[in-house]
Amino acid sequence: MLNLPPRLGARLTGAQFANLHTFAVAARHLSFTLAAEELCLTPSAVSHRIARLEQALELRLFERLTRQIRLTAEGERLYRLVQGVVEDLEDALQPDSTSTVSGALTLYARPSITQCWLVPRLADFQQRYPQISLDIRTGNEAVDFRARHIDLALLYGEGDFPGLVSHLLMAEQVAPVCSRQYAERQGLIDAPERLQQCTLLHDALAWEHAAFDAEWQRWARQQGVQTYLPGGGMTFDRADLSALAASNHVGVAMGRRHLVQPLIDQGALILPLGDFQASTAQGYYLVHPRREPLPMRVRVMIEWLRECAG
């Protein structure tokens, strides 16, 4: 039940529930236009519904700016309450059993771990939970759980996700990787000083707010070879692409074991400067907004991912 202040609860009559739903969709998108598309209405109709709701509740829910809208403090509070009720209803309507759990689940993940680690394992998840409709989205931008209606995110980083719940899924190990042909041409095998003549390949978006060469710099500090790193290099927005470039003799990439081990097993990449070393801080984390209890479909996804990682 909504825990509303008296003046709000007294005015929340049945006639306003359609307007309340419109408000929730607009608040999720922070856009009347996108809300209109989802609700099959015109932006003007969305605006009128919200205006009627604000009038009835005697509250200002949105600030109307020139090209955008944003929630007021009262709007933020009402949105959190409405979202909580909707999620509770969705969970209550689902059987509390992993054998019959169903519903839509949106998982947001970084592109590299999705392609190299997650996708090859998805057949098992589908066989176990055929009634879960899984929607996988990928990207490097900061996760907007509200606007994109994301249930769970699989991210690479240090585990610092303010305002969210995070669980370490698996730690990562890193090491320079390249093709044998490139290593022999550069005289790189067991010779870190030869990095100065190499082209370094970078995942420029390794984690949020990371410098373009952050992974190389951290590995070099750990190994005590910072002076051997050349400036510049070639940058990508995905770690798997930098590893793929390395396998095609472009240069030396900082390889993450969970991403590059298949290429090493195939002989496309080698470890010219020694085996993988534990990353000093980075790992793969499962991240979600705080919800009590978590929907069953999210819980089984977390349990399945942990089993895969284990």
C-alpha atoms as a PDB file:
ATOM      1  CA  MET A   1       0.000   0.000   0.000  1.00  0.00           C
ATOM      2  CA  LEU A   2       1.269   3.499  -0.794  1.00  0.00           C
ATOM      3  CA  ASN A   3       2.582   5.206   2.325  1.00  0.00           C
ATOM      4  CA  LEU A   4       1.499   8.720   1.347  1.00  0.00           C
ATOM      5  CA  PRO A   5       1.124  11.903   3.362  1.00  0.00           C
ATOM      6  CA  PRO A   6      -2.519  12.624   4.345  1.00  0.00           C
ATOM      7  CA  ARG A   7      -3.143  15.415   1.805  1.00  0.00           C
ATOM      8  CA  LEU A   8      -1.825  13.202  -1.024  1.00  0.00           C
ATOM      9  CA  GLY A   9      -3.608  10.024   0.034  1.00  0.00           C
ATOM     10  CA  ALA A  10      -6.930  11.828   0.413  1.00  0.00           C
ATOM     11  CA  ARG A  11      -6.835  13.052  -3.191  1.00  0.00           C
ATOM     12  CA  LEU A  12      -5.651   9.830  -4.830  1.00  0.00           C
ATOM     13  CA  THR A  13      -9.058   8.660  -6.064  1.00  0.00           C
ATOM     14  CA  GLY A  14      -9.859   6.001  -8.636  1.00  0.00           C
ATOM     15  CA  ALA A  15     -10.308   8.650 -11.329  1.00  0.00           C
ATOM     16  CA  GLN A  16      -6.621   9.550 -11.063  1.00  0.00           C
ATOM     17  CA  PHE A  17      -5.063   6.111 -11.530  1.00  0.00           C
ATOM     18  CA  ALA A  18      -4.783   6.433 -15.331  1.00  0.00           C
ATOM     19  CA  ASN A  19      -3.074   9.783 -14.817  1.00  0.00           C
ATOM     20  CA  LEU A  20      -0.826   8.218 -12.184  1.00  0.00           C
ATOM     21  CA  HIS A  21       0.249   5.527 -14.642  1.00  0.00           C
ATOM     22  CA  THR A  22       0.983   8.214 -17.240  1.00  0.00           C
ATOM     23  CA  PHE A  23       3.067  10.069 -14.662  1.00  0.00           C
ATOM     24  CA  ALA A  24       5.067   6.911 -13.856  1.00  0.00           C
ATOM     25  CA  VAL A  25       5.915   6.314 -17.529  1.00  0.00           C
ATOM     26  CA  ALA A  26       6.880   9.961 -18.077  1.00  0.00           C
ATOM     27  CA  ALA A  27       9.021   9.908 -14.924  1.00  0.00           C
ATOM     28  CA  ARG A  28      10.803   6.760 -16.080  1.00  0.00           C
ATOM     29  CA  HIS A  29      11.683   8.326 -19.442  1.00  0.00           C
ATOM     30  CA  LEU A  30      11.952  11.923 -18.196  1.00  0.00           C
ATOM     31  CA  SER A  31      10.226  12.750 -21.468  1.00  0.00           C
ATOM     32  CA  PHE A  32       6.599  13.418 -22.381  1.00  0.00           C
ATOM     33  CA  THR A  33       7.390  12.472 -25.988  1.00  0.00           C
ATOM     34  CA  LEU A  34       8.804   9.044 -25.136  1.00  0.00           C
ATOM     35  CA  ALA A  35       5.987   8.442 -22.665  1.00  0.00           C
ATOM     36  CA  ALA A  36       3.495   9.282 -25.402  1.00  0.00           C
ATOM     37  CA  GLU A  37       5.109   6.746 -27.741  1.00  0.00           C
ATOM     38  CA  GLU A  38       4.928   4.002 -25.109  1.00  0.00           C
ATOM     39  CA  LEU A  39       1.318   4.809 -24.182  1.00  0.00           C
ATOM     40  CA  CYS A  40       0.139   5.406 -27.764  1.00  0.00           C
ATOM     41  CA  LEU A  41      -0.903   8.958 -26.894  1.00  0.00           C
ATOM     42  CA  THR A  42       0.120  12.387 -28.114  1.00  0.00           C
ATOM     43  CA  PRO A  43       2.640  14.380 -26.070  1.00  0.00           C
ATOM     44  CA  SER A  44      -0.124  16.929 -25.491  1.00  0.00           C
ATOM     45  CA  ALA A  45      -2.383  14.241 -23.995  1.00  0.00           C
ATOM     46  CA  VAL A  46       0.419  13.120 -21.680  1.00  0.00           C
ATOM     47  CA  SER A  47       1.006  16.705 -20.574  1.00  0.00           C
ATOM     48  CA  HIS A  48      -2.721  17.243 -19.906  1.00  0.00           C
ATOM     49  CA  ARG A  49      -2.993  14.035 -17.862  1.00  0.00           C
ATOM     50  CA  ILE A  50      -0.064  15.017 -15.680  1.00  0.00           C
ATOM     51  CA  ALA A  51      -1.409  18.552 -15.279  1.00  0.00           C
ATOM     52  CA  ARG A  52      -4.721  17.102 -14.076  1.00  0.00           C
ATOM     53  CA  LEU A  53      -2.877  14.858 -11.626  1.00  0.00           C
ATOM     54  CA  GLU A  54      -0.836  17.800 -10.302  1.00  0.00           C
ATOM     55  CA  GLN A  55      -3.998  19.845  -9.923  1.00  0.00           C
ATOM     56  CA  ALA A  56      -5.811  17.083  -8.050  1.00  0.00           C
ATOM     57  CA  LEU A  57      -2.861  16.373  -5.759  1.00  0.00           C
ATOM     58  CA  GLU A  58      -1.960  20.061  -5.352  1.00  0.00           C
ATOM     59  CA  LEU A  59       1.638  19.098  -6.052  1.00  0.00           C
ATOM     60  CA  ARG A  60       4.115  20.100  -8.717  1.00  0.00           C
ATOM     61  CA  LEU A  61       5.596  16.848 -10.018  1.00  0.00           C
ATOM     62  CA  PHE A  62       7.768  18.078 -12.917  1.00  0.00           C
ATOM     63  CA  GLU A  63       9.859  21.100 -13.699  1.00  0.00           C
ATOM     64  CA  ARG A  64       9.221  22.050 -17.341  1.00  0.00           C
ATOM     65  CA  LEU A  65      12.461  23.276 -18.883  1.00  0.00           C
ATOM     66  CA  THR A  66      13.090  24.453 -22.447  1.00  0.00           C
ATOM     67  CA  ARG A  67      14.036  21.095 -23.940  1.00  0.00           C
ATOM     68  CA  GLN A  68      13.555  18.676 -21.079  1.00  0.00           C
ATOM     69  CA  ILE A  69      11.648  17.890 -17.921  1.00  0.00           C
ATOM     70  CA  ARG A  70      12.882  16.801 -14.549  1.00  0.00           C
ATOM     71  CA  LEU A  71      11.199  15.585 -11.399  1.00  0.00           C
ATOM     72  CA  THR A  72      10.665  17.839  -8.428  1.00  0.00           C
ATOM     73  CA  ALA A  73      11.359  16.470  -4.942  1.00  0.00           C
ATOM     74  CA  GLU A  74       7.654  15.582  -4.605  1.00  0.00           C
ATOM     75  CA  GLY A  75       7.751  13.946  -8.038  1.00  0.00           C
ATOM     76  CA  GLU A  76      10.804  11.851  -7.111  1.00  0.00           C
ATOM     77  CA  ARG A  77       9.097  10.644  -3.960  1.00  0.00           C
ATOM     78  CA  LEU A  78       5.854   9.772  -5.729  1.00  0.00           C
ATOM     79  CA  TYR A  79       7.731   7.986  -8.512  1.00  0.00           C
ATOM     80  CA  ARG A  80       9.656   5.788  -6.051  1.00  0.00           C
ATOM     81  CA  LEU A  81       6.424   4.862  -4.297  1.00  0.00           C
ATOM     82  CA  VAL A  82       4.556   4.072  -7.505  1.00  0.00           C
ATOM     83  CA  GLN A  83       7.433   1.987  -8.883  1.00  0.00           C
ATOM     84  CA  GLY A  84       7.609   0.003  -5.658  1.00  0.00           C
ATOM     85  CA  VAL A  85       3.910  -0.832  -5.817  1.00  0.00           C
ATOM     86  CA  VAL A  86       4.111  -1.864  -9.497  1.00  0.00           C
ATOM     87  CA  GLU A  87       7.083  -4.153  -8.813  1.00  0.00           C
ATOM     88  CA  ASP A  88       5.323  -5.701  -5.802  1.00  0.00           C
ATOM     89  CA  LEU A  89       2.272  -6.426  -7.954  1.00  0.00           C
ATOM     90  CA  GLU A  90       4.401  -8.012 -10.692  1.00  0.00           C
ATOM     91  CA  ASP A  91       6.129 -10.253  -8.167  1.00  0.00           C
ATOM     92  CA  ALA A  92       2.881 -11.195  -6.421  1.00  0.00           C
ATOM     93  CA  LEU A  93       1.433 -12.383  -9.738  1.00  0.00           C
ATOM     94  CA  GLN A  94       4.358 -14.718 -10.417  1.00  0.00           C
ATOM     95  CA  PRO A  95       4.546 -18.211  -8.868  1.00  0.00           C
ATOM     96  CA  ASP A  96       7.283 -18.328  -6.233  1.00  0.00           C
ATOM     97  CA  SER A  97       9.068 -21.294  -7.760  1.00  0.00           C
ATOM     98  CA  THR A  98      12.232 -21.446  -9.849  1.00  0.00           C
ATOM     99  CA  SER A  99      10.644 -24.177 -11.967  1.00  0.00           C
ATOM    100  CA  THR A 100       7.820 -21.894 -13.101  1.00  0.00           C
ATOM    101  CA  VAL A 101       9.320 -18.426 -12.666  1.00  0.00           C
ATOM    102  CA  SER A 102       8.392 -16.198 -15.590  1.00  0.00           C
ATOM    103  CA  GLY A 103       8.302 -12.633 -16.787  1.00  0.00           C
ATOM    104  CA  ALA A 104      10.489 -10.143 -18.612  1.00  0.00           C
ATOM    105  CA  LEU A 105      14.044  -9.520 -17.413  1.00  0.00           C
ATOM    106  CA  THR A 106      16.332  -6.850 -18.850  1.00  0.00           C
ATOM    107  CA  LEU A 107      20.056  -7.402 -18.332  1.00  0.00           C
ATOM    108  CA  TYR A 108      22.468  -4.600 -19.232  1.00  0.00           C
ATOM    109  CA  ALA A 109      26.111  -5.581 -19.723  1.00  0.00           C
ATOM    110  CA  ARG A 110      29.352  -4.319 -21.164  1.00  0.00           C
ATOM    111  CA  PRO A 111      29.791  -5.455 -24.792  1.00  0.00           C
ATOM    112  CA  SER A 112      33.041  -7.406 -24.311  1.00  0.00           C
ATOM    113  CA  ILE A 113      31.935  -9.641 -21.444  1.00  0.00           C
ATOM    114  CA  THR A 114      28.597 -10.159 -23.191  1.00  0.00           C
ATOM    115  CA  GLN A 115      30.136 -11.437 -26.413  1.00  0.00           C
ATOM    116  CA  CYS A 116      33.073 -13.381 -24.992  1.00  0.00           C
ATOM    117  CA  TRP A 117      31.620 -14.857 -21.794  1.00  0.00           C
ATOM    118  CA  LEU A 118      27.865 -14.426 -21.421  1.00  0.00           C
ATOM    119  CA  VAL A 119      26.406 -15.265 -24.844  1.00  0.00           C
ATOM    120  CA  PRO A 120      28.143 -18.672 -25.139  1.00  0.00           C
ATOM    121  CA  ARG A 121      26.406 -19.723 -21.891  1.00  0.00           C
ATOM    122  CA  LEU A 122      22.878 -18.483 -22.594  1.00  0.00           C
ATOM    123  CA  ALA A 123      21.541 -21.756 -24.015  1.00  0.00           C
ATOM    124  CA  ASP A 124      21.761 -23.257 -20.533  1.00  0.00           C
ATOM    125  CA  PHE A 125      19.775 -20.383 -19.014  1.00  0.00           C
ATOM    126  CA  GLN A 126      17.092 -20.642 -21.684  1.00  0.00           C
ATOM    127  CA  GLN A 127      16.729 -24.388 -21.114  1.00  0.00           C
ATOM    128  CA  ARG A 128      16.389 -23.929 -17.359  1.00  0.00           C
ATOM    129  CA  TYR A 129      14.044 -20.930 -17.410  1.00  0.00           C
ATOM    130  CA  PRO A 130      12.145 -20.959 -20.718  1.00  0.00           C
ATOM    131  CA  GLN A 131       9.374 -18.762 -19.291  1.00  0.00           C
ATOM    132  CA  ILE A 132      11.730 -15.850 -18.609  1.00  0.00           C
ATOM    133  CA  SER A 133      11.789 -13.413 -21.519  1.00  0.00           C
ATOM    134  CA  LEU A 134      15.392 -12.202 -21.425  1.00  0.00           C
ATOM    135  CA  ASP A 135      16.274  -8.860 -23.025  1.00  0.00           C
ATOM    136  CA  ILE A 136      20.033  -8.214 -23.180  1.00  0.00           C
ATOM    137  CA  ARG A 137      21.231  -4.661 -23.807  1.00  0.00           C
ATOM    138  CA  THR A 138      24.881  -3.664 -24.158  1.00  0.00           C
ATOM    139  CA  GLY A 139      26.754  -0.392 -23.935  1.00  0.00           C
ATOM    140  CA  ASN A 140      29.544   1.559 -22.263  1.00  0.00           C
ATOM    141  CA  GLU A 141      27.488   4.459 -20.939  1.00  0.00           C
ATOM    142  CA  ALA A 142      26.435   4.860 -17.305  1.00  0.00           C
ATOM    143  CA  VAL A 143      23.451   2.683 -16.475  1.00  0.00           C
ATOM    144  CA  ASP A 144      20.107   4.448 -16.136  1.00  0.00           C
ATOM    145  CA  PHE A 145      18.045   1.755 -14.430  1.00  0.00           C
ATOM    146  CA  ARG A 146      14.920   3.898 -14.364  1.00  0.00           C
ATOM    147  CA  ALA A 147      14.722   5.252 -17.896  1.00  0.00           C
ATOM    148  CA  ARG A 148      15.726   1.984 -19.559  1.00  0.00           C
ATOM    149  CA  HIS A 149      13.792  -0.252 -17.146  1.00  0.00           C
ATOM    150  CA  ILE A 150      16.867  -2.379 -16.438  1.00  0.00           C
ATOM    151  CA  ASP A 151      16.598  -5.108 -13.796  1.00  0.00           C
ATOM    152  CA  LEU A 152      20.257  -6.108 -13.497  1.00  0.00           C
ATOM    153  CA  ALA A 153      23.613  -4.949 -14.863  1.00  0.00           C
ATOM    154  CA  LEU A 154      26.869  -6.844 -15.409  1.00  0.00           C
ATOM    155  CA  LEU A 155      29.675  -4.287 -15.183  1.00  0.00           C
ATOM    156  CA  TYR A 156      33.470  -4.219 -15.084  1.00  0.00           C
ATOM    157  CA  GLY A 157      35.040  -1.954 -12.495  1.00  0.00           C
ATOM    158  CA  GLU A 158      36.134  -1.479  -8.917  1.00  0.00           C
ATOM    159  CA  GLY A 159      32.776  -2.177  -7.288  1.00  0.00           C
ATOM    160  CA  ASP A 160      31.972   1.433  -6.420  1.00  0.00           C
ATOM    161  CA  PHE A 161      28.373   1.972  -7.531  1.00  0.00           C
ATOM    162  CA  PRO A 162      26.818   4.691  -5.306  1.00  0.00           C
ATOM    163  CA  GLY A 163      23.174   4.176  -4.404  1.00  0.00           C
ATOM    164  CA  LEU A 164      23.089   0.662  -5.861  1.00  0.00           C
ATOM    165  CA  VAL A 165      23.613  -2.865  -4.603  1.00  0.00           C
ATOM    166  CA  SER A 166      26.613  -4.674  -6.096  1.00  0.00           C
ATOM    167  CA  HIS A 167      27.872  -8.252  -5.861  1.00  0.00           C
ATOM    168  CA  LEU A 168      31.318  -9.343  -7.046  1.00  0.00           C
ATOM    169  CA  LEU A 169      30.688 -12.000  -9.683  1.00  0.00           C
ATOM    170  CA  MET A 170      34.289 -12.831 -10.530  1.00  0.00           C
ATOM    171  CA  ALA A 171      37.699 -11.267 -10.174  1.00  0.00           C
ATOM    172  CA  GLU A 172      39.775 -10.653 -13.276  1.00  0.00           C
ATOM    173  CA  GLN A 173      43.380 -11.436 -14.195  1.00  0.00           C
ATOM    174  CA  VAL A 174      45.287  -9.432 -16.777  1.00  0.00           C
ATOM    175  CA  ALA A 175      48.424  -9.733 -18.902  1.00  0.00           C
ATOM    176  CA  PRO A 176      49.772  -8.331 -22.174  1.00  0.00           C
ATOM    177  CA  VAL A 177      48.768 -10.431 -25.193  1.00  0.00           C
ATOM    178  CA  CYS A 178      49.747 -10.372 -28.855  1.00  0.00           C
ATOM    179  CA  SER A 179      50.219 -12.723 -31.774  1.00  0.00           C
ATOM    180  CA  ARG A 180      53.341 -14.884 -31.858  1.00  0.00           C
ATOM    181  CA  GLN A 181      54.283 -13.284 -35.172  1.00  0.00           C
ATOM    182  CA  TYR A 182      54.178  -9.791 -33.651  1.00  0.00           C
ATOM    183  CA  ALA A 183      56.093 -10.842 -30.520  1.00  0.00           C
ATOM    184  CA  GLU A 184      58.880 -12.434 -32.551  1.00  0.00           C
ATOM    185  CA  ARG A 185      59.093  -9.476 -34.931  1.00  0.00           C
ATOM    186  CA  GLN A 186      59.447  -7.052 -31.991  1.00  0.00           C
ATOM    187  CA  GLY A 187      61.714  -9.314 -29.901  1.00  0.00           C
ATOM    188  CA  LEU A 188      59.162  -9.007 -27.104  1.00  0.00           C
ATOM    189  CA  ILE A 189      59.175 -12.482 -25.529  1.00  0.00           C
ATOM    190  CA  ASP A 190      60.424 -12.138 -21.925  1.00  0.00           C
ATOM    191  CA  ALA A 191      61.698  -8.643 -22.756  1.00  0.00           C
ATOM    192  CA  PRO A 192      59.368  -5.977 -21.294  1.00  0.00           C
ATOM    193  CA  GLU A 193      61.824  -3.236 -22.252  1.00  0.00           C
ATOM    194  CA  ARG A 194      60.877  -3.938 -25.886  1.00  0.00           C
ATOM    195  CA  LEU A 195      57.389  -2.554 -25.196  1.00  0.00           C
ATOM    196  CA  GLN A 196      58.892   0.857 -25.989  1.00  0.00           C
ATOM    197  CA  GLN A 197      58.968  -0.123 -29.684  1.00  0.00           C
ATOM    198  CA  CYS A 198      55.476  -1.659 -29.689  1.00  0.00           C
ATOM    199  CA  THR A 199      52.020  -0.333 -30.466  1.00  0.00           C
ATOM    200  CA  LEU A 200      49.906  -0.608 -27.342  1.00  0.00           C
ATOM    201  CA  LEU A 201      46.218  -1.390 -27.844  1.00  0.00           C
ATOM    202  CA  HIS A 202      43.840   0.140 -25.309  1.00  0.00           C
ATOM    203  CA  ASP A 203      40.265  -0.315 -24.198  1.00  0.00           C
ATOM    204  CA  ALA A 204      39.661   3.409 -23.737  1.00  0.00           C
ATOM    205  CA  LEU A 205      36.370   2.763 -21.875  1.00  0.00           C
ATOM    206  CA  ALA A 206      37.568  -0.017 -19.595  1.00  0.00           C
ATOM    207  CA  TRP A 207      35.432   1.202 -16.700  1.00  0.00           C
ATOM    208  CA  GLU A 208      33.537   4.361 -15.879  1.00  0.00           C
ATOM    209  CA  HIS A 209      35.788   7.460 -15.752  1.00  0.00           C
ATOM    210  CA  ALA A 210      38.916   5.423 -16.565  1.00  0.00           C
ATOM    211  CA  ALA A 211      41.772   7.025 -18.500  1.00  0.00           C
ATOM    212  CA  PHE A 212      42.299   5.566 -21.976  1.00  0.00           C
ATOM    213  CA  ASP A 213      45.459   3.739 -20.821  1.00  0.00           C
ATOM    214  CA  ALA A 214      44.349   2.921 -17.274  1.00  0.00           C
ATOM    215  CA  GLU A 215      44.695  -0.860 -17.616  1.00  0.00           C
ATOM    216  CA  TRP A 216      48.200  -0.653 -19.030  1.00  0.00           C
ATOM    217  CA  GLN A 217      49.302   1.837 -16.372  1.00  0.00           C
ATOM    218  CA  ARG A 218      48.006  -0.333 -13.524  1.00  0.00           C
ATOM    219  CA  TRP A 219      49.681  -3.451 -14.864  1.00  0.00           C
ATOM    220  CA  ALA A 220      52.958  -1.582 -15.423  1.00  0.00           C
ATOM    221  CA  ARG A 221      52.960  -0.213 -11.858  1.00  0.00           C
ATOM    222  CA  GLN A 222      52.310  -3.697 -10.494  1.00  0.00           C
ATOM    223  CA  GLN A 223      55.213  -5.077 -12.540  1.00  0.00           C
ATOM    224  CA  GLY A 224      57.510  -2.093 -11.991  1.00  0.00           C
ATOM    225  CA  VAL A 225      57.962  -1.420 -15.707  1.00  0.00           C
ATOM    226  CA  GLN A 226      56.248   1.986 -16.096  1.00  0.00           C
ATOM    227  CA  THR A 227      59.289   3.450 -17.875  1.00  0.00           C
ATOM    228  CA  TYR A 228      58.911   0.936 -20.702  1.00  0.00           C
ATOM    229  CA  LEU A 229      55.442   2.056 -21.775  1.00  0.00           C
ATOM    230  CA  PRO A 230      55.381   4.159 -24.950  1.00  0.00           C
ATOM    231  CA  GLY A 231      52.911   7.008 -25.255  1.00  0.00           C
ATOM    232  CA  GLY A 232      49.823   6.869 -27.402  1.00  0.00           C
ATOM    233  CA  GLY A 233      48.921   3.703 -29.221  1.00  0.00           C
ATOM    234  CA  MET A 234      45.609   2.617 -30.692  1.00  0.00           C
ATOM    235  CA  THR A 235      42.324   2.867 -28.776  1.00  0.00           C
ATOM    236  CA  PHE A 236      39.042   0.970 -28.961  1.00  0.00           C
ATOM    237  CA  ASP A 237      35.804   1.209 -27.011  1.00  0.00           C
ATOM    238  CA  ARG A 238      35.762  -2.534 -26.321  1.00  0.00           C
ATOM    239  CA  ALA A 239      38.357  -4.830 -24.768  1.00  0.00           C
ATOM    240  CA  ASP A 240      37.488  -7.714 -27.090  1.00  0.00           C
ATOM    241  CA  LEU A 241      38.211  -5.524 -30.117  1.00  0.00           C
ATOM    242  CA  SER A 242      41.660  -4.605 -28.814  1.00  0.00           C
ATOM    243  CA  ALA A 243      42.334  -8.331 -28.266  1.00  0.00           C
ATOM    244  CA  LEU A 244      41.089  -9.119 -31.777  1.00  0.00           C
ATOM    245  CA  ALA A 245      43.417  -6.463 -33.191  1.00  0.00           C
ATOM    246  CA  ALA A 246      46.295  -8.031 -31.252  1.00  0.00           C
ATOM    247  CA  SER A 247      45.496 -11.442 -32.739  1.00  0.00           C
ATOM    248  CA  ASN A 248      45.788  -9.813 -36.175  1.00  0.00           C
ATOM    249  CA  HIS A 249      49.346  -8.547 -35.493  1.00  0.00           C
ATOM    250  CA  VAL A 250      48.411  -4.871 -34.882  1.00  0.00           C
ATOM    251  CA  GLY A 251      50.109  -4.551 -31.487  1.00  0.00           C
ATOM    252  CA  VAL A 252      49.977  -5.624 -27.841  1.00  0.00           C
ATOM    253  CA  ALA A 253      46.709  -5.523 -25.883  1.00  0.00           C
ATOM    254  CA  MET A 254      46.071  -5.755 -22.177  1.00  0.00           C
ATOM    255  CA  GLY A 255      44.209  -9.049 -22.110  1.00  0.00           C
ATOM    256  CA  ARG A 256      41.581  -9.958 -19.543  1.00  0.00           C
ATOM    257  CA  ARG A 257      41.660 -13.687 -18.957  1.00  0.00           C
ATOM    258  CA  HIS A 258      37.882 -14.174 -19.091  1.00  0.00           C
ATOM    259  CA  LEU A 259      37.842 -12.532 -22.520  1.00  0.00           C
ATOM    260  CA  VAL A 260      41.019 -13.774 -24.231  1.00  0.00           C
ATOM    261  CA  GLN A 261      41.547 -17.325 -22.940  1.00  0.00           C
ATOM    262  CA  PRO A 262      39.776 -18.886 -25.973  1.00  0.00           C
ATOM    263  CA  LEU A 263      42.096 -16.984 -28.336  1.00  0.00           C
ATOM    264  CA  ILE A 264      45.104 -18.206 -26.346  1.00  0.00           C
ATOM    265  CA  ASP A 265      43.819 -21.786 -26.451  1.00  0.00           C
ATOM    266  CA  GLN A 266      43.438 -21.462 -30.235  1.00  0.00           C
ATOM    267  CA  GLY A 267      46.988 -20.132 -30.617  1.00  0.00           C
ATOM    268  CA  ALA A 268      45.823 -16.760 -31.966  1.00  0.00           C
ATOM    269  CA  LEU A 269      47.346 -14.974 -28.952  1.00  0.00           C
ATOM    270  CA  ILE A 270      50.298 -15.615 -26.676  1.00  0.00           C
ATOM    271  CA  LEU A 271      51.470 -14.214 -23.331  1.00  0.00           C
ATOM    272  CA  PRO A 272      54.878 -12.763 -24.291  1.00  0.00           C
ATOM    273  CA  LEU A 273      55.688 -11.320 -20.850  1.00  0.00           C
ATOM    274  CA  GLY A 274      54.470 -14.059 -18.548  1.00  0.00           C
ATOM    275  CA  ASP A 275      51.247 -15.433 -17.160  1.00  0.00           C
ATOM    276  CA  PHE A 276      48.161 -13.573 -16.008  1.00  0.00           C
ATOM    277  CA  GLN A 277      48.362 -11.540 -12.821  1.00  0.00           C
ATOM    278  CA  ALA A 278      45.453 -10.765 -10.518  1.00  0.00           C
ATOM    279  CA  SER A 279      44.019  -7.328 -11.252  1.00  0.00           C
ATOM    280  CA  THR A 280      44.661  -4.969  -8.363  1.00  0.00           C
ATOM    281  CA  ALA A 281      41.088  -3.698  -8.212  1.00  0.00           C
ATOM    282  CA  GLN A 282      38.908  -4.639 -11.192  1.00  0.00           C
ATOM    283  CA  GLY A 283      36.349  -7.368 -11.457  1.00  0.00           C
ATOM    284  CA  TYR A 284      32.919  -8.125 -12.862  1.00  0.00           C
ATOM    285  CA  TYR A 285      30.018  -7.009 -10.699  1.00  0.00           C
ATOM    286  CA  LEU A 286      26.285  -7.637 -10.706  1.00  0.00           C
ATOM    287  CA  VAL A 287      24.560  -4.341  -9.947  1.00  0.00           C
ATOM    288  CA  HIS A 288      20.910  -3.500  -9.294  1.00  0.00           C
ATOM    289  CA  PRO A 289      18.765  -0.961  -7.445  1.00  0.00           C
ATOM    290  CA  ARG A 290      17.946  -1.784  -3.842  1.00  0.00           C
ATOM    291  CA  ARG A 291      14.684  -3.759  -3.767  1.00  0.00           C
ATOM    292  CA  GLU A 292      13.282  -5.902  -0.968  1.00  0.00           C
ATOM    293  CA  PRO A 293      12.620  -8.576  -1.885  1.00  0.00           C
ATOM    294  CA  LEU A 294      14.283  -8.956  -5.261  1.00  0.00           C
ATOM    295  CA  PRO A 295      11.907 -10.324  -7.917  1.00  0.00           C
ATOM    296  CA  MET A 296      12.280 -14.066  -8.358  1.00  0.00           C
ATOM    297  CA  ARG A 297      13.342 -13.699 -12.000  1.00  0.00           C
ATOM    298  CA  VAL A 298      16.245 -11.448 -10.927  1.00  0.00           C
ATOM    299  CA  ARG A 299      17.239 -13.808  -8.139  1.00  0.00           C
ATOM    300  CA  VAL A 300      17.438 -16.828 -10.427  1.00  0.00           C
ATOM    301  CA  MET A 301      19.507 -14.843 -12.947  1.00  0.00           C
ATOM    302  CA  ILE A 302      21.974 -13.850 -10.213  1.00  0.00           C
ATOM    303  CA  GLU A 303      22.181 -17.447  -8.952  1.00  0.00           C
ATOM    304  CA  TRP A 304      22.727 -18.747 -12.498  1.00  0.00           C
ATOM    305  CA  LEU A 305      25.459 -16.199 -13.250  1.00  0.00           C
ATOM    306  CA  ARG A 306      27.240 -17.085  -9.998  1.00  0.00           C
ATOM    307  CA  GLU A 307      27.076 -20.767 -10.929  1.00  0.00           C
ATOM    308  CA  CYS A 308      28.624 -19.989 -14.321  1.00  0.00           C
ATOM    309  CA  ALA A 309      31.352 -17.896 -12.715  1.00  0.00           C
ATOM    310  CA  GLY A 310      32.032 -20.519 -10.064  1.00  0.00           C
END
